[in-house]
Amino acid sequence: MTKRILFVFTSANQTLTGANTGWYLPEAAHPYYVLAPHFTIDFASPAGPNPPVDESSVQMFPDDVGKFLENTDAQKKLSTAKKLSEVNPDDYDAIFYVGGHGPVLDLAVDPVNIQLASKFYRVGKLVAAVCHGPAALVGATDESGKSIFAGKPVTGFSNVEEEQVNKVKDIPFLLEDRISSLGGKYEKAAEPWGPKVVVTGNLITGQNPASAHPIGEAILQALQK
């Protein structure tokens, strides 16, 4: 039977300073290109259909507009995205959190999402996230109530990268700092913007947009075992 993956998108469209935000185009598109030929993929977000895409990512990654945003299958999945409250974890083998600054604003504190991510993790299903996507997991816990990051090597968007895009004031917390404060062993690429993917059991994290394709490959490898 074909395995199923749930791609989770943010529903947030404004940062703390009122700037446009949303999900980051290549961080959905690049893993999708790797995984769609092999698995059934559904989309979901806190508010359901048509999660907002970050306009700056549309401008920076024009190739992904035609290949993903204007792709008939992807369009249909976006327009019919489920609400997180409608998701049954039993229907899926993996959950993947798309990045963009949005997840830091909504998914990080969304009780439905926190419960969903915790359920996936506790039953040993694959939990993956790229760039700011790991912010969606800061409330997720294991069976003992500990953070799923505690004691584990993890990556996500770095403080240096956040400073370089001048977005520190746009978000309620810095992901690198939060991972460390939860007991995670934060890791990053040798240089800012370099690809970095960390696989720790059933938890897979990627650092930034350059990690979007590699995390797709890591998810593929994990689900084909």
N, C-alpha and C. Protein backbone atom coordinates (compact mmCIF):
# COMPACT_ATOMS: atom_id res chain seq x y z
N MET A 1 0.84 -1.19 0.00
CA MET A 1 0.00 0.00 0.00
C MET A 1 0.88 1.25 0.00
N THR A 2 0.52 2.24 -0.76
CA THR A 2 1.29 3.48 -0.83
C THR A 2 1.27 4.21 0.51
N LYS A 3 2.45 4.62 0.94
CA LYS A 3 2.52 5.38 2.20
C LYS A 3 2.01 6.80 1.99
N ARG A 4 1.56 7.39 3.08
CA ARG A 4 0.95 8.73 3.01
C ARG A 4 1.71 9.72 3.88
N ILE A 5 1.89 10.92 3.34
CA ILE A 5 2.57 12.00 4.07
C ILE A 5 1.63 13.18 4.17
N LEU A 6 1.61 13.81 5.34
CA LEU A 6 0.86 15.05 5.52
C LEU A 6 1.84 16.23 5.52
N PHE A 7 1.69 17.12 4.54
CA PHE A 7 2.45 18.37 4.51
C PHE A 7 1.64 19.40 5.29
N VAL A 8 2.25 20.02 6.30
CA VAL A 8 1.56 21.03 7.10
C VAL A 8 2.12 22.41 6.79
N PHE A 9 1.21 23.33 6.49
CA PHE A 9 1.54 24.71 6.15
C PHE A 9 1.04 25.64 7.24
N THR A 10 1.65 26.81 7.35
CA THR A 10 1.17 27.85 8.25
C THR A 10 -0.09 28.50 7.67
N SER A 11 -0.90 29.08 8.55
CA SER A 11 -2.01 29.93 8.11
C SER A 11 -1.73 31.41 8.41
N ALA A 12 -0.57 31.69 9.01
CA ALA A 12 -0.23 33.08 9.37
C ALA A 12 0.22 33.85 8.13
N ASN A 13 -0.29 35.07 7.97
CA ASN A 13 0.10 35.86 6.79
C ASN A 13 0.73 37.20 7.15
N GLN A 14 0.92 37.46 8.46
CA GLN A 14 1.58 38.70 8.90
C GLN A 14 2.52 38.42 10.05
N THR A 15 3.68 39.08 10.03
CA THR A 15 4.62 38.96 11.14
C THR A 15 4.23 39.95 12.25
N LEU A 16 5.00 39.96 13.31
CA LEU A 16 4.73 40.87 14.44
C LEU A 16 4.83 42.34 14.03
N THR A 17 5.61 42.63 12.98
CA THR A 17 5.75 44.02 12.52
C THR A 17 4.74 44.37 11.42
N GLY A 18 3.88 43.40 11.07
CA GLY A 18 2.87 43.63 10.04
C GLY A 18 3.35 43.31 8.63
N ALA A 19 4.56 42.76 8.52
CA ALA A 19 5.09 42.39 7.20
C ALA A 19 4.39 41.14 6.68
N ASN A 20 4.31 41.03 5.35
CA ASN A 20 3.74 39.85 4.71
C ASN A 20 4.56 38.61 5.05
N THR A 21 3.90 37.52 5.34
CA THR A 21 4.61 36.26 5.55
C THR A 21 3.71 35.11 5.09
N GLY A 22 4.06 33.90 5.47
CA GLY A 22 3.32 32.72 5.05
C GLY A 22 4.28 31.54 4.99
N TRP A 23 3.99 30.60 4.10
CA TRP A 23 4.90 29.45 3.91
C TRP A 23 5.86 29.78 2.77
N TYR A 24 7.04 29.16 2.84
CA TYR A 24 8.13 29.51 1.93
C TYR A 24 8.15 28.53 0.75
N LEU A 25 7.96 29.07 -0.43
CA LEU A 25 7.70 28.27 -1.63
C LEU A 25 8.62 27.07 -1.84
N PRO A 26 9.96 27.24 -1.89
CA PRO A 26 10.81 26.07 -2.19
C PRO A 26 10.79 25.02 -1.09
N GLU A 27 10.40 25.44 0.12
CA GLU A 27 10.41 24.48 1.24
C GLU A 27 9.21 23.54 1.20
N ALA A 28 8.23 23.86 0.38
CA ALA A 28 7.17 22.90 0.06
C ALA A 28 7.48 22.23 -1.27
N ALA A 29 7.89 23.06 -2.25
CA ALA A 29 8.06 22.56 -3.62
C ALA A 29 9.17 21.51 -3.74
N HIS A 30 10.33 21.80 -3.16
CA HIS A 30 11.47 20.89 -3.37
C HIS A 30 11.26 19.52 -2.73
N PRO A 31 10.77 19.44 -1.49
CA PRO A 31 10.45 18.11 -0.97
C PRO A 31 9.32 17.43 -1.75
N TYR A 32 8.36 18.22 -2.20
CA TYR A 32 7.24 17.66 -2.97
C TYR A 32 7.74 16.98 -4.25
N TYR A 33 8.68 17.62 -4.95
CA TYR A 33 9.21 17.03 -6.19
C TYR A 33 9.84 15.66 -5.92
N VAL A 34 10.52 15.55 -4.78
CA VAL A 34 11.19 14.30 -4.42
C VAL A 34 10.18 13.22 -4.01
N LEU A 35 9.16 13.62 -3.26
CA LEU A 35 8.29 12.65 -2.59
C LEU A 35 7.02 12.28 -3.36
N ALA A 36 6.49 13.22 -4.15
CA ALA A 36 5.21 12.99 -4.83
C ALA A 36 5.20 11.76 -5.75
N PRO A 37 6.31 11.45 -6.44
CA PRO A 37 6.28 10.25 -7.29
C PRO A 37 6.15 8.94 -6.51
N HIS A 38 6.45 8.97 -5.22
CA HIS A 38 6.51 7.73 -4.43
C HIS A 38 5.37 7.56 -3.43
N PHE A 39 4.78 8.67 -2.98
CA PHE A 39 3.82 8.61 -1.87
C PHE A 39 2.57 9.44 -2.17
N THR A 40 1.52 9.14 -1.43
CA THR A 40 0.33 9.99 -1.46
C THR A 40 0.55 11.14 -0.49
N ILE A 41 0.36 12.36 -0.96
CA ILE A 41 0.60 13.54 -0.13
C ILE A 41 -0.68 14.36 0.00
N ASP A 42 -1.02 14.69 1.24
CA ASP A 42 -2.13 15.61 1.52
C ASP A 42 -1.57 16.87 2.15
N PHE A 43 -2.31 17.97 2.02
CA PHE A 43 -1.91 19.24 2.61
C PHE A 43 -2.88 19.60 3.73
N ALA A 44 -2.36 20.30 4.74
CA ALA A 44 -3.21 20.77 5.84
C ALA A 44 -2.62 22.05 6.42
N SER A 45 -3.46 22.81 7.11
CA SER A 45 -3.02 24.02 7.81
C SER A 45 -4.03 24.29 8.93
N PRO A 46 -3.69 25.16 9.88
CA PRO A 46 -4.66 25.44 10.95
C PRO A 46 -6.03 25.89 10.43
N ALA A 47 -6.02 26.74 9.41
CA ALA A 47 -7.28 27.29 8.89
C ALA A 47 -7.82 26.55 7.67
N GLY A 48 -7.08 25.54 7.20
CA GLY A 48 -7.57 24.77 6.07
C GLY A 48 -7.13 25.31 4.71
N PRO A 49 -8.08 25.42 3.75
CA PRO A 49 -7.74 25.72 2.35
C PRO A 49 -6.94 27.00 2.13
N ASN A 50 -6.13 26.95 1.07
CA ASN A 50 -5.37 28.11 0.57
C ASN A 50 -4.49 28.78 1.62
N PRO A 51 -3.58 28.04 2.23
CA PRO A 51 -2.64 28.67 3.16
C PRO A 51 -1.81 29.71 2.41
N PRO A 52 -1.48 30.84 3.06
CA PRO A 52 -0.82 31.95 2.37
C PRO A 52 0.66 31.69 2.09
N VAL A 53 1.06 31.91 0.85
CA VAL A 53 2.47 31.75 0.49
C VAL A 53 3.19 33.08 0.73
N ASP A 54 4.42 33.02 1.19
CA ASP A 54 5.24 34.22 1.39
C ASP A 54 5.61 34.79 0.02
N GLU A 55 5.15 36.00 -0.24
CA GLU A 55 5.34 36.61 -1.57
C GLU A 55 6.82 36.76 -1.92
N SER A 56 7.67 37.00 -0.94
CA SER A 56 9.10 37.16 -1.25
C SER A 56 9.69 35.86 -1.80
N SER A 57 9.18 34.72 -1.33
CA SER A 57 9.69 33.44 -1.84
C SER A 57 9.23 33.18 -3.26
N VAL A 58 8.05 33.69 -3.60
CA VAL A 58 7.54 33.56 -4.99
C VAL A 58 8.45 34.34 -5.94
N GLN A 59 8.88 35.52 -5.48
CA GLN A 59 9.77 36.34 -6.32
C GLN A 59 11.17 35.76 -6.42
N MET A 60 11.65 35.16 -5.33
CA MET A 60 13.03 34.64 -5.31
C MET A 60 13.19 33.29 -5.99
N PHE A 61 12.10 32.54 -6.09
CA PHE A 61 12.18 31.19 -6.66
C PHE A 61 11.16 31.03 -7.79
N PRO A 62 11.34 31.79 -8.89
CA PRO A 62 10.35 31.77 -9.98
C PRO A 62 10.17 30.40 -10.63
N ASP A 63 11.23 29.58 -10.61
CA ASP A 63 11.12 28.24 -11.22
C ASP A 63 10.05 27.40 -10.52
N ASP A 64 9.90 27.63 -9.21
CA ASP A 64 8.94 26.82 -8.45
C ASP A 64 7.50 27.30 -8.61
N VAL A 65 7.34 28.49 -9.19
CA VAL A 65 5.99 28.98 -9.44
C VAL A 65 5.30 28.09 -10.48
N GLY A 66 5.97 27.91 -11.61
CA GLY A 66 5.42 27.07 -12.67
C GLY A 66 5.35 25.60 -12.29
N LYS A 67 6.42 25.13 -11.64
CA LYS A 67 6.51 23.69 -11.34
C LYS A 67 5.64 23.27 -10.16
N PHE A 68 5.38 24.20 -9.24
CA PHE A 68 4.62 23.82 -8.04
C PHE A 68 3.33 24.64 -7.88
N LEU A 69 3.47 25.96 -7.76
CA LEU A 69 2.29 26.79 -7.50
C LEU A 69 1.26 26.68 -8.62
N GLU A 70 1.74 26.51 -9.87
CA GLU A 70 0.81 26.41 -10.99
C GLU A 70 0.60 24.96 -11.44
N ASN A 71 1.16 24.03 -10.68
CA ASN A 71 0.97 22.61 -10.96
C ASN A 71 -0.46 22.23 -10.56
N THR A 72 -1.17 21.57 -11.45
CA THR A 72 -2.59 21.26 -11.21
C THR A 72 -2.81 20.47 -9.93
N ASP A 73 -1.99 19.45 -9.71
CA ASP A 73 -2.15 18.63 -8.50
C ASP A 73 -1.88 19.44 -7.24
N ALA A 74 -0.79 20.21 -7.26
CA ALA A 74 -0.45 21.01 -6.08
C ALA A 74 -1.51 22.08 -5.82
N GLN A 75 -1.98 22.70 -6.88
CA GLN A 75 -3.04 23.72 -6.75
C GLN A 75 -4.28 23.13 -6.07
N LYS A 76 -4.65 21.94 -6.53
CA LYS A 76 -5.84 21.29 -5.97
C LYS A 76 -5.63 20.96 -4.49
N LYS A 77 -4.43 20.48 -4.15
CA LYS A 77 -4.14 20.14 -2.76
C LYS A 77 -4.16 21.40 -1.87
N LEU A 78 -3.65 22.51 -2.40
CA LEU A 78 -3.66 23.76 -1.63
C LEU A 78 -5.08 24.27 -1.42
N SER A 79 -5.88 24.20 -2.49
CA SER A 79 -7.24 24.75 -2.42
C SER A 79 -8.17 23.87 -1.58
N THR A 80 -7.77 22.62 -1.37
CA THR A 80 -8.60 21.70 -0.57
C THR A 80 -7.88 21.25 0.70
N ALA A 81 -6.88 22.02 1.11
CA ALA A 81 -6.11 21.65 2.31
C ALA A 81 -7.05 21.43 3.49
N LYS A 82 -6.75 20.39 4.26
CA LYS A 82 -7.57 20.09 5.44
C LYS A 82 -7.25 21.05 6.57
N LYS A 83 -8.20 21.21 7.47
CA LYS A 83 -7.89 21.87 8.73
C LYS A 83 -7.15 20.86 9.62
N LEU A 84 -6.20 21.33 10.39
CA LEU A 84 -5.47 20.41 11.27
C LEU A 84 -6.42 19.66 12.20
N SER A 85 -7.50 20.32 12.58
CA SER A 85 -8.46 19.69 13.50
C SER A 85 -9.19 18.51 12.85
N GLU A 86 -9.12 18.42 11.51
CA GLU A 86 -9.79 17.32 10.79
C GLU A 86 -8.85 16.14 10.51
N VAL A 87 -7.58 16.29 10.88
CA VAL A 87 -6.59 15.27 10.53
C VAL A 87 -6.62 14.12 11.53
N ASN A 88 -6.62 12.89 11.00
CA ASN A 88 -6.48 11.69 11.82
C ASN A 88 -5.06 11.15 11.61
N PRO A 89 -4.22 11.18 12.63
CA PRO A 89 -2.83 10.71 12.46
C PRO A 89 -2.74 9.27 11.95
N ASP A 90 -3.76 8.47 12.24
CA ASP A 90 -3.74 7.07 11.80
C ASP A 90 -3.73 6.94 10.28
N ASP A 91 -4.12 8.01 9.59
CA ASP A 91 -4.19 7.97 8.12
C ASP A 91 -2.82 8.18 7.47
N TYR A 92 -1.81 8.53 8.26
CA TYR A 92 -0.52 8.94 7.68
C TYR A 92 0.66 8.20 8.29
N ASP A 93 1.72 8.11 7.48
CA ASP A 93 2.97 7.49 7.91
C ASP A 93 4.00 8.53 8.34
N ALA A 94 3.78 9.78 7.91
CA ALA A 94 4.73 10.85 8.22
C ALA A 94 4.03 12.19 8.20
N ILE A 95 4.61 13.15 8.94
CA ILE A 95 4.14 14.53 8.91
C ILE A 95 5.35 15.40 8.60
N PHE A 96 5.16 16.37 7.73
CA PHE A 96 6.25 17.26 7.33
C PHE A 96 5.81 18.71 7.43
N TYR A 97 6.59 19.51 8.15
CA TYR A 97 6.27 20.92 8.34
C TYR A 97 7.08 21.80 7.39
N VAL A 98 6.36 22.51 6.54
CA VAL A 98 6.95 23.45 5.58
C VAL A 98 7.37 24.71 6.35
N GLY A 99 8.50 25.31 5.96
CA GLY A 99 8.98 26.50 6.63
C GLY A 99 8.35 27.79 6.15
N GLY A 100 9.06 28.89 6.39
CA GLY A 100 8.51 30.24 6.26
C GLY A 100 8.39 30.79 7.67
N HIS A 101 8.35 32.10 7.83
CA HIS A 101 8.25 32.64 9.19
C HIS A 101 6.91 32.33 9.86
N GLY A 102 5.91 32.00 9.06
CA GLY A 102 4.57 31.73 9.59
C GLY A 102 4.51 30.73 10.73
N PRO A 103 5.17 29.56 10.63
CA PRO A 103 5.05 28.57 11.70
C PRO A 103 5.46 29.07 13.08
N VAL A 104 6.41 30.03 13.12
CA VAL A 104 6.85 30.57 14.41
C VAL A 104 5.70 31.34 15.08
N LEU A 105 4.82 31.88 14.24
CA LEU A 105 3.72 32.72 14.73
C LEU A 105 2.48 31.92 15.10
N ASP A 106 2.14 30.89 14.31
CA ASP A 106 0.90 30.16 14.63
C ASP A 106 1.10 28.72 15.07
N LEU A 107 1.83 27.92 14.31
CA LEU A 107 1.93 26.49 14.63
C LEU A 107 2.65 26.24 15.96
N ALA A 108 3.57 27.13 16.31
CA ALA A 108 4.34 26.96 17.55
C ALA A 108 3.44 26.92 18.79
N VAL A 109 2.32 27.66 18.73
CA VAL A 109 1.45 27.76 19.91
C VAL A 109 0.06 27.17 19.68
N ASP A 110 -0.16 26.59 18.52
CA ASP A 110 -1.48 26.04 18.18
C ASP A 110 -1.68 24.71 18.93
N PRO A 111 -2.65 24.65 19.86
CA PRO A 111 -2.81 23.43 20.67
C PRO A 111 -3.16 22.20 19.83
N VAL A 112 -3.92 22.40 18.75
CA VAL A 112 -4.28 21.26 17.88
C VAL A 112 -3.02 20.71 17.23
N ASN A 113 -2.16 21.61 16.76
CA ASN A 113 -0.93 21.17 16.13
C ASN A 113 0.01 20.49 17.11
N ILE A 114 0.13 21.06 18.30
CA ILE A 114 1.03 20.48 19.31
C ILE A 114 0.61 19.05 19.64
N GLN A 115 -0.70 18.86 19.78
CA GLN A 115 -1.22 17.52 20.06
C GLN A 115 -0.96 16.57 18.89
N LEU A 116 -1.16 17.08 17.66
CA LEU A 116 -0.97 16.27 16.46
C LEU A 116 0.49 15.83 16.32
N ALA A 117 1.40 16.79 16.44
CA ALA A 117 2.83 16.47 16.30
C ALA A 117 3.27 15.48 17.38
N SER A 118 2.78 15.68 18.59
CA SER A 118 3.14 14.78 19.69
C SER A 118 2.64 13.36 19.41
N LYS A 119 1.42 13.26 18.87
CA LYS A 119 0.86 11.93 18.55
C LYS A 119 1.71 11.21 17.51
N PHE A 120 2.06 11.91 16.44
CA PHE A 120 2.91 11.31 15.41
C PHE A 120 4.21 10.80 16.01
N TYR A 121 4.83 11.65 16.82
CA TYR A 121 6.14 11.30 17.37
C TYR A 121 6.03 10.11 18.33
N ARG A 122 5.03 10.14 19.18
CA ARG A 122 4.92 9.11 20.23
C ARG A 122 4.68 7.71 19.69
N VAL A 123 4.02 7.61 18.54
CA VAL A 123 3.78 6.27 17.97
C VAL A 123 4.88 5.87 17.00
N GLY A 124 5.93 6.67 16.93
CA GLY A 124 7.09 6.30 16.11
C GLY A 124 6.97 6.65 14.64
N LYS A 125 5.98 7.47 14.30
CA LYS A 125 5.86 7.91 12.90
C LYS A 125 6.87 9.01 12.62
N LEU A 126 7.20 9.17 11.35
CA LEU A 126 8.21 10.14 10.96
C LEU A 126 7.69 11.56 11.15
N VAL A 127 8.49 12.39 11.82
CA VAL A 127 8.18 13.80 12.03
C VAL A 127 9.33 14.60 11.42
N ALA A 128 9.02 15.43 10.42
CA ALA A 128 10.07 16.16 9.71
C ALA A 128 9.69 17.63 9.58
N ALA A 129 10.70 18.50 9.51
CA ALA A 129 10.44 19.94 9.41
C ALA A 129 11.68 20.63 8.86
N VAL A 130 11.45 21.68 8.06
CA VAL A 130 12.58 22.40 7.46
C VAL A 130 12.51 23.89 7.77
N CYS A 131 13.69 24.51 7.95
CA CYS A 131 13.86 25.94 8.12
C CYS A 131 13.16 26.44 9.39
N HIS A 132 12.07 27.22 9.26
CA HIS A 132 11.29 27.61 10.44
C HIS A 132 10.25 26.54 10.80
N GLY A 133 10.14 25.51 10.00
CA GLY A 133 9.18 24.43 10.27
C GLY A 133 9.35 23.80 11.65
N PRO A 134 10.60 23.61 12.14
CA PRO A 134 10.75 23.03 13.47
C PRO A 134 10.12 23.86 14.59
N ALA A 135 9.81 25.14 14.31
CA ALA A 135 9.08 25.94 15.30
C ALA A 135 7.73 25.32 15.61
N ALA A 136 7.17 24.58 14.65
CA ALA A 136 5.89 23.90 14.86
C ALA A 136 6.01 22.77 15.87
N LEU A 137 7.25 22.39 16.20
CA LEU A 137 7.48 21.25 17.09
C LEU A 137 7.93 21.65 18.48
N VAL A 138 8.01 22.97 18.76
CA VAL A 138 8.56 23.39 20.06
C VAL A 138 7.66 23.00 21.24
N GLY A 139 6.38 22.74 20.97
CA GLY A 139 5.49 22.30 22.04
C GLY A 139 5.28 20.80 22.07
N ALA A 140 5.82 20.09 21.08
CA ALA A 140 5.61 18.63 20.97
C ALA A 140 6.41 17.90 22.04
N THR A 141 5.78 16.87 22.62
CA THR A 141 6.42 16.13 23.70
C THR A 141 6.36 14.62 23.47
N ASP A 142 7.29 13.91 24.12
CA ASP A 142 7.28 12.44 24.07
C ASP A 142 6.35 11.91 25.17
N GLU A 143 6.34 10.60 25.35
CA GLU A 143 5.42 9.98 26.30
C GLU A 143 5.63 10.48 27.73
N SER A 144 6.87 10.85 28.04
CA SER A 144 7.17 11.29 29.42
C SER A 144 6.90 12.78 29.62
N GLY A 145 6.44 13.46 28.54
CA GLY A 145 6.15 14.87 28.66
C GLY A 145 7.33 15.78 28.38
N LYS A 146 8.46 15.18 27.97
CA LYS A 146 9.65 15.97 27.64
C LYS A 146 9.58 16.44 26.19
N SER A 147 10.22 17.57 25.89
CA SER A 147 10.30 18.05 24.52
C SER A 147 10.89 16.98 23.62
N ILE A 148 10.38 16.87 22.40
CA ILE A 148 10.94 15.88 21.47
C ILE A 148 12.34 16.28 21.03
N PHE A 149 12.75 17.52 21.31
CA PHE A 149 14.12 17.97 20.99
C PHE A 149 15.12 17.60 22.09
N ALA A 150 14.64 17.35 23.30
CA ALA A 150 15.53 17.20 24.46
C ALA A 150 16.59 16.12 24.24
N GLY A 151 17.85 16.52 24.36
CA GLY A 151 18.96 15.57 24.26
C GLY A 151 19.29 15.10 22.85
N LYS A 152 18.60 15.67 21.85
CA LYS A 152 18.79 15.17 20.48
C LYS A 152 19.46 16.22 19.59
N PRO A 153 20.28 15.77 18.64
CA PRO A 153 20.78 16.69 17.62
C PRO A 153 19.62 17.16 16.73
N VAL A 154 19.50 18.47 16.57
CA VAL A 154 18.40 19.07 15.81
C VAL A 154 18.95 20.29 15.06
N THR A 155 18.33 20.61 13.92
CA THR A 155 18.67 21.86 13.26
C THR A 155 17.40 22.65 12.93
N GLY A 156 17.58 23.83 12.41
CA GLY A 156 16.50 24.73 12.05
C GLY A 156 17.15 26.06 11.69
N PHE A 157 16.37 27.03 11.31
CA PHE A 157 16.91 28.33 10.89
C PHE A 157 17.78 28.93 12.01
N SER A 158 18.98 29.34 11.65
CA SER A 158 19.95 29.80 12.65
C SER A 158 19.75 31.27 13.01
N ASN A 159 20.28 31.64 14.17
CA ASN A 159 20.24 33.04 14.60
C ASN A 159 20.92 33.94 13.58
N VAL A 160 22.07 33.50 13.07
CA VAL A 160 22.83 34.30 12.10
C VAL A 160 21.99 34.54 10.84
N GLU A 161 21.33 33.49 10.36
CA GLU A 161 20.49 33.63 9.16
C GLU A 161 19.34 34.59 9.42
N GLU A 162 18.76 34.50 10.62
CA GLU A 162 17.65 35.39 10.98
C GLU A 162 18.11 36.84 10.99
N GLU A 163 19.31 37.07 11.53
CA GLU A 163 19.87 38.42 11.55
C GLU A 163 20.15 38.92 10.13
N GLN A 164 20.64 38.03 9.28
CA GLN A 164 20.99 38.43 7.92
C GLN A 164 19.77 38.80 7.08
N VAL A 165 18.62 38.20 7.38
CA VAL A 165 17.39 38.58 6.65
C VAL A 165 16.62 39.69 7.39
N ASN A 166 17.20 40.14 8.52
CA ASN A 166 16.64 41.26 9.27
C ASN A 166 15.20 41.01 9.71
N LYS A 167 14.98 39.80 10.26
CA LYS A 167 13.62 39.43 10.67
C LYS A 167 13.49 39.13 12.16
N VAL A 168 14.52 39.47 12.94
CA VAL A 168 14.49 39.13 14.37
C VAL A 168 13.27 39.73 15.05
N LYS A 169 12.91 40.97 14.69
CA LYS A 169 11.79 41.66 15.34
C LYS A 169 10.42 41.19 14.82
N ASP A 170 10.44 40.38 13.76
CA ASP A 170 9.17 39.94 13.16
C ASP A 170 8.57 38.71 13.83
N ILE A 171 9.37 38.05 14.66
CA ILE A 171 8.92 36.76 15.22
C ILE A 171 9.06 36.75 16.74
N PRO A 172 8.25 35.95 17.42
CA PRO A 172 8.24 35.97 18.89
C PRO A 172 9.46 35.31 19.53
N PHE A 173 10.17 34.46 18.81
CA PHE A 173 11.39 33.83 19.36
C PHE A 173 12.30 33.41 18.22
N LEU A 174 13.59 33.26 18.56
CA LEU A 174 14.57 32.76 17.59
C LEU A 174 14.61 31.24 17.72
N LEU A 175 14.50 30.56 16.61
CA LEU A 175 14.36 29.10 16.63
C LEU A 175 15.60 28.41 17.23
N GLU A 176 16.78 28.86 16.84
CA GLU A 176 18.00 28.24 17.38
C GLU A 176 18.00 28.33 18.92
N ASP A 177 17.65 29.51 19.44
CA ASP A 177 17.62 29.69 20.90
C ASP A 177 16.58 28.80 21.56
N ARG A 178 15.41 28.69 20.93
CA ARG A 178 14.33 27.89 21.52
C ARG A 178 14.70 26.40 21.53
N ILE A 179 15.27 25.92 20.44
CA ILE A 179 15.70 24.51 20.40
C ILE A 179 16.68 24.23 21.54
N SER A 180 17.64 25.13 21.71
CA SER A 180 18.65 24.95 22.77
C SER A 180 18.01 25.01 24.16
N SER A 181 17.06 25.93 24.35
CA SER A 181 16.43 26.07 25.67
C SER A 181 15.56 24.87 26.02
N LEU A 182 15.13 24.13 25.00
CA LEU A 182 14.34 22.91 25.21
C LEU A 182 15.24 21.68 25.40
N GLY A 183 16.54 21.90 25.39
CA GLY A 183 17.48 20.79 25.61
C GLY A 183 17.97 20.14 24.34
N GLY A 184 17.60 20.71 23.19
CA GLY A 184 18.08 20.16 21.92
C GLY A 184 19.55 20.51 21.70
N LYS A 185 20.25 19.62 21.00
CA LYS A 185 21.66 19.87 20.65
C LYS A 185 21.67 20.50 19.26
N TYR A 186 21.58 21.82 19.24
CA TYR A 186 21.43 22.53 17.96
C TYR A 186 22.69 22.37 17.10
N GLU A 187 22.46 22.03 15.83
CA GLU A 187 23.56 21.91 14.86
C GLU A 187 23.24 22.78 13.65
N LYS A 188 24.30 23.24 12.97
CA LYS A 188 24.08 24.03 11.75
C LYS A 188 25.21 23.79 10.76
N ALA A 189 24.96 24.19 9.52
CA ALA A 189 25.96 24.07 8.46
C ALA A 189 27.18 24.94 8.79
N ALA A 190 28.31 24.61 8.19
CA ALA A 190 29.55 25.36 8.44
C ALA A 190 29.39 26.84 8.09
N GLU A 191 28.64 27.11 7.04
CA GLU A 191 28.40 28.50 6.61
C GLU A 191 26.89 28.78 6.59
N PRO A 192 26.47 30.03 6.89
CA PRO A 192 25.05 30.36 6.77
C PRO A 192 24.54 30.04 5.36
N TRP A 193 23.32 29.55 5.28
CA TRP A 193 22.63 29.23 4.02
C TRP A 193 23.11 27.95 3.36
N GLY A 194 24.05 27.26 4.01
CA GLY A 194 24.47 25.96 3.49
C GLY A 194 23.48 24.89 3.88
N PRO A 195 23.35 23.82 3.08
CA PRO A 195 22.39 22.76 3.42
C PRO A 195 22.82 21.97 4.66
N LYS A 196 21.84 21.65 5.48
CA LYS A 196 22.10 20.83 6.67
C LYS A 196 20.83 20.08 7.02
N VAL A 197 20.92 18.77 7.09
CA VAL A 197 19.79 17.93 7.51
C VAL A 197 20.28 17.02 8.62
N VAL A 198 19.50 16.92 9.68
CA VAL A 198 19.86 16.07 10.82
C VAL A 198 18.77 15.02 10.99
N VAL A 199 19.18 13.75 10.99
CA VAL A 199 18.26 12.63 11.19
C VAL A 199 18.53 12.04 12.56
N THR A 200 17.52 12.05 13.43
CA THR A 200 17.65 11.50 14.78
C THR A 200 16.45 10.60 15.03
N GLY A 201 16.61 9.31 14.79
CA GLY A 201 15.48 8.40 14.94
C GLY A 201 14.37 8.79 13.98
N ASN A 202 13.14 9.01 14.52
CA ASN A 202 12.01 9.35 13.64
C ASN A 202 11.82 10.86 13.52
N LEU A 203 12.85 11.64 13.93
CA LEU A 203 12.81 13.10 13.81
C LEU A 203 13.84 13.55 12.77
N ILE A 204 13.38 14.28 11.76
CA ILE A 204 14.27 14.79 10.70
C ILE A 204 14.09 16.29 10.59
N THR A 205 15.19 17.04 10.70
CA THR A 205 15.11 18.50 10.60
C THR A 205 16.09 19.02 9.57
N GLY A 206 15.70 20.13 8.91
CA GLY A 206 16.54 20.79 7.93
C GLY A 206 16.69 22.26 8.31
N GLN A 207 17.82 22.87 7.96
CA GLN A 207 18.16 24.19 8.48
C GLN A 207 17.52 25.36 7.75
N ASN A 208 17.41 25.30 6.43
CA ASN A 208 17.12 26.50 5.64
C ASN A 208 16.62 26.13 4.25
N PRO A 209 16.36 27.11 3.37
CA PRO A 209 15.85 26.77 2.03
C PRO A 209 16.74 25.79 1.26
N ALA A 210 18.05 25.90 1.42
CA ALA A 210 18.97 25.00 0.71
C ALA A 210 18.84 23.56 1.19
N SER A 211 18.21 23.38 2.34
CA SER A 211 18.02 22.04 2.92
C SER A 211 16.71 21.39 2.50
N ALA A 212 15.92 22.10 1.70
CA ALA A 212 14.59 21.61 1.35
C ALA A 212 14.65 20.36 0.47
N HIS A 213 15.50 20.38 -0.55
CA HIS A 213 15.65 19.17 -1.39
C HIS A 213 16.29 18.03 -0.58
N PRO A 214 17.39 18.30 0.13
CA PRO A 214 17.99 17.21 0.92
C PRO A 214 17.07 16.61 1.97
N ILE A 215 16.19 17.41 2.59
CA ILE A 215 15.28 16.81 3.57
C ILE A 215 14.25 15.94 2.87
N GLY A 216 13.87 16.31 1.66
CA GLY A 216 12.99 15.44 0.87
C GLY A 216 13.63 14.08 0.64
N GLU A 217 14.93 14.10 0.31
CA GLU A 217 15.67 12.85 0.09
C GLU A 217 15.75 12.02 1.38
N ALA A 218 15.94 12.71 2.51
CA ALA A 218 16.03 12.01 3.80
C ALA A 218 14.70 11.37 4.19
N ILE A 219 13.60 12.07 3.91
CA ILE A 219 12.27 11.53 4.18
C ILE A 219 12.02 10.31 3.29
N LEU A 220 12.39 10.44 2.02
CA LEU A 220 12.23 9.33 1.07
C LEU A 220 12.98 8.09 1.58
N GLN A 221 14.22 8.30 1.96
CA GLN A 221 15.05 7.19 2.45
C GLN A 221 14.42 6.55 3.69
N ALA A 222 13.96 7.38 4.61
CA ALA A 222 13.39 6.85 5.87
C ALA A 222 12.12 6.06 5.61
N LEU A 223 11.28 6.52 4.68
CA LEU A 223 10.02 5.84 4.43
C LEU A 223 10.17 4.61 3.55
N GLN A 224 11.31 4.50 2.89
CA GLN A 224 11.52 3.33 2.03
C GLN A 224 12.19 2.18 2.78
N LYS A 225 12.54 2.42 4.04
CA LYS A 225 13.18 1.36 4.84
C LYS A 225 12.21 0.23 5.10
